[in-house]
Amino acid sequence: MFRLWYNFAEDCSPRQFTDPGDRFAAGSGLAKVFGDTIRCDEYFAGLWKPDMIRGLMLYTEGPTLIPRKPLDSDNFPTWSWASAGYGLVKNAQEDDKLRLSRVENVQVDLIDKRQPFGQ
């Protein structure tokens, strides 16, 4: 179910936005629709709580690394795909590693509480 979301992140990550802050804005509308579809509102800066561990299993690979402009670290959590320092981010879909981890707590302080999927 979340594979579609990771496909979006992989597709969005190499794009060069004029304003780096638009990286999350590009995903916020889609996140709202996706969240409505899967009936989940536990969204945290590009990751979904029910699949948080898999969402954190990001990596970049080989010659496809595309350096981007430095990002303002205050705008992007370091654990989110949107903060990756390279253009192409992949998500590992390895279920065996999921059994070794669990999410105990997630907290994000929203800039605008009326926009839980970002601005």
C-alpha atoms as a PDB file:
ATOM      1  CA  MET A   1       0.000   0.000   0.000  1.00  0.00           C
ATOM      2  CA  PHE A   2       2.790   2.475   0.832  1.00  0.00           C
ATOM      3  CA  ARG A   3       4.824   1.476  -2.240  1.00  0.00           C
ATOM      4  CA  LEU A   4       2.942   4.156  -4.216  1.00  0.00           C
ATOM      5  CA  TRP A   5       4.090   6.772  -1.724  1.00  0.00           C
ATOM      6  CA  TYR A   6       7.715   5.672  -1.978  1.00  0.00           C
ATOM      7  CA  ASN A   7       7.437   5.757  -5.775  1.00  0.00           C
ATOM      8  CA  PHE A   8       6.400   9.407  -5.428  1.00  0.00           C
ATOM      9  CA  ALA A   9       9.382  10.168  -3.179  1.00  0.00           C
ATOM     10  CA  GLU A  10      11.755   8.451  -5.609  1.00  0.00           C
ATOM     11  CA  ASP A  11      10.248  10.400  -8.513  1.00  0.00           C
ATOM     12  CA  CYS A  12      10.230  13.730  -6.657  1.00  0.00           C
ATOM     13  CA  SER A  13      13.707  13.533  -5.110  1.00  0.00           C
ATOM     14  CA  PRO A  14      15.803  14.283  -8.243  1.00  0.00           C
ATOM     15  CA  ARG A  15      13.671  17.257  -9.268  1.00  0.00           C
ATOM     16  CA  GLN A  16      15.299  20.668  -9.075  1.00  0.00           C
ATOM     17  CA  PHE A  17      12.867  23.056  -7.404  1.00  0.00           C
ATOM     18  CA  THR A  18      13.463  26.804  -7.787  1.00  0.00           C
ATOM     19  CA  ASP A  19      12.657  27.134  -4.104  1.00  0.00           C
ATOM     20  CA  PRO A  20      13.879  24.085  -2.119  1.00  0.00           C
ATOM     21  CA  GLY A  21      10.957  24.632   0.264  1.00  0.00           C
ATOM     22  CA  ASP A  22       8.646  23.569  -2.548  1.00  0.00           C
ATOM     23  CA  ARG A  23       9.857  19.982  -2.107  1.00  0.00           C
ATOM     24  CA  PHE A  24       7.385  19.442   0.751  1.00  0.00           C
ATOM     25  CA  ALA A  25       4.727  21.647  -0.810  1.00  0.00           C
ATOM     26  CA  ALA A  26       4.756  19.407  -3.878  1.00  0.00           C
ATOM     27  CA  GLY A  27       3.964  16.445  -1.665  1.00  0.00           C
ATOM     28  CA  SER A  28       1.450  18.008   0.716  1.00  0.00           C
ATOM     29  CA  GLY A  29      -1.530  17.871  -1.652  1.00  0.00           C
ATOM     30  CA  LEU A  30      -0.692  14.350  -2.717  1.00  0.00           C
ATOM     31  CA  ALA A  31      -0.207  13.348   0.930  1.00  0.00           C
ATOM     32  CA  LYS A  32      -3.705  14.602   1.738  1.00  0.00           C
ATOM     33  CA  VAL A  33      -5.247  12.557  -1.079  1.00  0.00           C
ATOM     34  CA  PHE A  34      -3.116   9.512  -0.234  1.00  0.00           C
ATOM     35  CA  GLY A  35      -3.982   9.815   3.469  1.00  0.00           C
ATOM     36  CA  ASP A  36      -7.695  10.027   2.670  1.00  0.00           C
ATOM     37  CA  THR A  37      -7.388   6.973   0.431  1.00  0.00           C
ATOM     38  CA  ILE A  38      -5.627   4.818   3.034  1.00  0.00           C
ATOM     39  CA  ARG A  39      -7.609   6.387   5.896  1.00  0.00           C
ATOM     40  CA  CYS A  40      -4.516   7.583   7.732  1.00  0.00           C
ATOM     41  CA  ASP A  41      -3.688  11.052   9.019  1.00  0.00           C
ATOM     42  CA  GLU A  42      -0.505  10.110  10.856  1.00  0.00           C
ATOM     43  CA  TYR A  43       1.841  11.851   8.408  1.00  0.00           C
ATOM     44  CA  PHE A  44       5.195  13.200   9.518  1.00  0.00           C
ATOM     45  CA  ALA A  45       7.212  15.311   7.075  1.00  0.00           C
ATOM     46  CA  GLY A  46       7.051  12.842   4.200  1.00  0.00           C
ATOM     47  CA  LEU A  47       6.676   9.619   6.216  1.00  0.00           C
ATOM     48  CA  TRP A  48       3.620   7.692   7.426  1.00  0.00           C
ATOM     49  CA  LYS A  49       3.524   6.380  11.003  1.00  0.00           C
ATOM     50  CA  PRO A  50       2.055   2.948  10.128  1.00  0.00           C
ATOM     51  CA  ASP A  51       5.050   2.388   7.828  1.00  0.00           C
ATOM     52  CA  MET A  52       7.616   4.620   9.569  1.00  0.00           C
ATOM     53  CA  ILE A  53      10.423   2.069   9.761  1.00  0.00           C
ATOM     54  CA  ARG A  54      10.274   1.296   6.053  1.00  0.00           C
ATOM     55  CA  GLY A  55       9.976   5.035   5.377  1.00  0.00           C
ATOM     56  CA  LEU A  56      13.246   5.601   7.211  1.00  0.00           C
ATOM     57  CA  MET A  57      15.051   2.989   5.119  1.00  0.00           C
ATOM     58  CA  LEU A  58      16.189   5.482   2.482  1.00  0.00           C
ATOM     59  CA  TYR A  59      19.356   5.307   0.451  1.00  0.00           C
ATOM     60  CA  THR A  60      21.040   6.806  -2.586  1.00  0.00           C
ATOM     61  CA  GLU A  61      23.014   4.754  -5.023  1.00  0.00           C
ATOM     62  CA  GLY A  62      25.918   4.742  -7.463  1.00  0.00           C
ATOM     63  CA  PRO A  63      26.394   6.983 -10.464  1.00  0.00           C
ATOM     64  CA  THR A  64      22.871   8.357 -10.229  1.00  0.00           C
ATOM     65  CA  LEU A  65      23.837  10.675  -7.370  1.00  0.00           C
ATOM     66  CA  ILE A  66      22.884  14.210  -8.365  1.00  0.00           C
ATOM     67  CA  PRO A  67      24.183  16.917  -5.992  1.00  0.00           C
ATOM     68  CA  ARG A  68      21.569  19.513  -5.076  1.00  0.00           C
ATOM     69  CA  LYS A  69      21.783  22.987  -3.644  1.00  0.00           C
ATOM     70  CA  PRO A  70      22.272  22.903   0.137  1.00  0.00           C
ATOM     71  CA  LEU A  71      18.980  22.925   1.988  1.00  0.00           C
ATOM     72  CA  ASP A  72      18.030  25.065   4.936  1.00  0.00           C
ATOM     73  CA  SER A  73      18.285  22.454   7.695  1.00  0.00           C
ATOM     74  CA  ASP A  74      15.574  24.209   9.721  1.00  0.00           C
ATOM     75  CA  ASN A  75      12.967  23.325   7.086  1.00  0.00           C
ATOM     76  CA  PHE A  76      13.628  19.620   6.611  1.00  0.00           C
ATOM     77  CA  PRO A  77      13.993  16.915   9.251  1.00  0.00           C
ATOM     78  CA  THR A  78      17.217  15.017   8.570  1.00  0.00           C
ATOM     79  CA  TRP A  79      15.305  11.720   8.600  1.00  0.00           C
ATOM     80  CA  SER A  80      12.959  12.713   5.774  1.00  0.00           C
ATOM     81  CA  TRP A  81      13.521  11.893   2.095  1.00  0.00           C
ATOM     82  CA  ALA A  82      13.094  15.608   1.310  1.00  0.00           C
ATOM     83  CA  SER A  83      16.299  16.476   3.161  1.00  0.00           C
ATOM     84  CA  ALA A  84      18.543  14.037   1.278  1.00  0.00           C
ATOM     85  CA  GLY A  85      21.662  15.726  -0.030  1.00  0.00           C
ATOM     86  CA  TYR A  86      21.452  13.936  -3.354  1.00  0.00           C
ATOM     87  CA  GLY A  87      18.889  13.889  -6.080  1.00  0.00           C
ATOM     88  CA  LEU A  88      17.870  10.255  -6.219  1.00  0.00           C
ATOM     89  CA  VAL A  89      16.479   8.661  -3.067  1.00  0.00           C
ATOM     90  CA  LYS A  90      15.337   5.048  -3.006  1.00  0.00           C
ATOM     91  CA  ASN A  91      13.393   3.202  -0.363  1.00  0.00           C
ATOM     92  CA  ALA A  92      14.381  -0.274   0.743  1.00  0.00           C
ATOM     93  CA  GLN A  93      11.451  -2.675   0.691  1.00  0.00           C
ATOM     94  CA  GLU A  94      13.072  -5.331   2.862  1.00  0.00           C
ATOM     95  CA  ASP A  95      10.548  -6.787   5.276  1.00  0.00           C
ATOM     96  CA  ASP A  96      13.138  -8.812   7.194  1.00  0.00           C
ATOM     97  CA  LYS A  97      14.694  -5.622   8.595  1.00  0.00           C
ATOM     98  CA  LEU A  98      11.307  -4.353   9.780  1.00  0.00           C
ATOM     99  CA  ARG A  99      11.107  -7.082  12.411  1.00  0.00           C
ATOM    100  CA  LEU A 100      14.246  -5.710  14.078  1.00  0.00           C
ATOM    101  CA  SER A 101      12.774  -2.274  14.756  1.00  0.00           C
ATOM    102  CA  ARG A 102       9.703  -0.587  16.143  1.00  0.00           C
ATOM    103  CA  VAL A 103       8.459   2.971  16.418  1.00  0.00           C
ATOM    104  CA  GLU A 104       8.007   4.035  20.020  1.00  0.00           C
ATOM    105  CA  ASN A 105       7.097   7.674  19.537  1.00  0.00           C
ATOM    106  CA  VAL A 106       6.811  10.254  16.777  1.00  0.00           C
ATOM    107  CA  GLN A 107       6.351  13.968  17.306  1.00  0.00           C
ATOM    108  CA  VAL A 108       6.410  16.808  14.811  1.00  0.00           C
ATOM    109  CA  ASP A 109       5.644  20.413  15.665  1.00  0.00           C
ATOM    110  CA  LEU A 110       3.577  21.762  12.792  1.00  0.00           C
ATOM    111  CA  ILE A 111       4.122  25.301  11.548  1.00  0.00           C
ATOM    112  CA  ASP A 112       0.413  25.491  10.746  1.00  0.00           C
ATOM    113  CA  LYS A 113      -1.819  23.020  12.594  1.00  0.00           C
ATOM    114  CA  ARG A 114      -4.524  23.551   9.953  1.00  0.00           C
ATOM    115  CA  GLN A 115      -2.206  21.939   7.405  1.00  0.00           C
ATOM    116  CA  PRO A 116      -1.134  18.579   8.879  1.00  0.00           C
ATOM    117  CA  PHE A 117       0.206  17.423   5.494  1.00  0.00           C
ATOM    118  CA  GLY A 118       2.467  20.457   5.098  1.00  0.00           C
ATOM    119  CA  GLN A 119       2.244  23.771   3.386  1.00  0.00           C
END
